[in-house]
Protein backbone atom coordinates (compact mmCIF):
# COMPACT_ATOMS: atom_id res chain seq x y z
CA MET A 1 113.61 107.40 78.33
CA PRO A 2 111.83 106.42 75.12
CA CYS A 3 108.38 104.89 75.44
CA THR A 4 105.37 103.85 73.37
CA VAL A 5 101.95 105.18 74.38
CA GLU A 6 98.79 103.39 73.22
CA VAL A 7 95.38 104.99 73.74
CA SER A 8 92.27 103.02 72.77
CA HIS A 9 88.74 104.44 72.65
CA ARG A 10 86.78 101.50 71.26
CA PHE A 11 83.78 99.53 72.43
CA GLU A 12 85.98 96.46 72.94
CA SER A 13 88.65 98.27 74.93
CA LEU A 14 89.00 101.64 76.63
CA HIS A 15 92.59 101.97 77.86
CA ALA A 16 95.84 103.91 77.92
CA HIS A 17 99.12 102.00 78.24
CA VAL A 18 102.76 103.09 78.42
CA ARG A 19 105.53 100.63 77.52
CA PHE A 20 109.14 101.59 78.07
CA ASP A 21 111.15 100.78 74.96
CA ASN A 22 114.26 99.92 76.99
CA GLY A 23 112.41 97.44 79.25
CA ALA A 24 112.39 99.63 82.37
CA VAL A 25 110.02 98.51 85.13
CA VAL A 26 108.00 100.83 87.39
CA GLN A 27 107.92 99.88 91.07
CA PRO A 28 105.35 100.85 93.75
CA GLY A 29 105.65 104.54 94.59
CA ASP A 30 107.52 105.49 91.41
CA GLU A 31 106.15 108.38 89.35
CA VAL A 32 106.04 108.47 85.56
CA LEU A 33 105.71 111.66 83.51
CA VAL A 34 105.08 111.19 79.78
CA HIS A 35 106.14 114.32 77.89
CA GLY A 36 104.05 115.93 75.17
CA ALA A 37 100.48 117.02 74.58
CA PRO A 38 97.62 114.84 75.84
CA ILE A 39 96.52 112.12 73.43
CA GLU A 40 92.79 112.10 72.73
CA ALA A 41 91.63 109.18 70.61
CA PRO A 42 88.30 109.67 68.82
CA TRP A 43 85.58 107.02 69.25
CA GLY A 44 86.49 103.76 67.54
CA LYS A 45 90.19 104.52 67.19
CA VAL A 46 93.48 103.36 68.70
CA ILE A 47 96.38 105.82 68.65
CA VAL A 48 99.99 104.70 69.15
CA GLU A 49 102.72 107.33 69.60
CA HIS A 50 106.38 107.24 70.50
CA ARG A 51 107.18 109.66 73.33
CA THR A 52 109.76 110.38 75.99
CA ALA A 53 109.04 109.69 79.66
CA THR A 54 110.74 110.47 82.95
CA ILE A 55 110.61 107.97 85.81
CA THR A 56 111.16 109.39 89.29
CA ARG A 57 112.10 106.52 91.59
CA ALA A 58 110.54 106.33 95.05
CA THR A 59 112.71 106.18 98.16
CA TRP A 60 112.68 103.02 100.27
CA LEU A 61 110.27 104.66 102.74
CA GLU A 62 107.92 105.86 99.98
CA ARG A 63 107.92 102.38 98.43
CA GLN A 64 107.01 100.74 101.77
CA TRP A 65 104.28 103.33 102.44
CA THR A 66 102.78 102.73 98.98
CA ARG A 67 102.72 98.98 99.53
CA LEU A 68 101.11 99.42 102.95
CA THR A 69 98.41 101.91 101.93
CA GLY A 70 97.86 100.52 98.43
CA ASP A 71 95.94 97.54 99.79
CA LEU A 72 93.63 99.90 101.69
CA ASP A 73 93.00 102.03 98.60
CA PHE A 74 92.15 98.90 96.62
CA MET A 75 89.52 97.95 99.18
CA GLU A 76 87.78 101.29 98.53
CA LEU A 77 87.39 100.29 94.89
CA CYS A 78 85.80 97.01 95.92
CA GLU A 79 82.85 98.90 97.40
CA PHE A 80 81.61 99.76 93.91
CA SER A 81 80.05 97.37 91.44
CA PHE A 82 78.90 97.64 87.87
CA SER A 83 75.94 95.65 86.65
CA GLU A 84 73.43 95.65 83.83
CA GLU A 85 70.59 95.41 86.27
CA MET A 86 68.07 98.22 85.83
CA ARG A 87 66.13 99.66 88.76
CA ALA A 88 62.89 101.56 88.47
């Protein structure tokens, strides 16, 4: 399906987003493969490209498993913090 890929490598925002041009929605457990070469934005730039993507839908069981274990994976991320505090 057609999609728009936006890759930003700026001080204000470092991100990569995929929007499906037909309004498709990705559910928990689904896999998305964006076709084409990797997009590497140089520092200070935002690159927007139109690509084709394939969405592989998860089965009911895979979707439930992702919902169940996703909360646990999120808690692992909560163990890390980022601060400007310097330590000697």
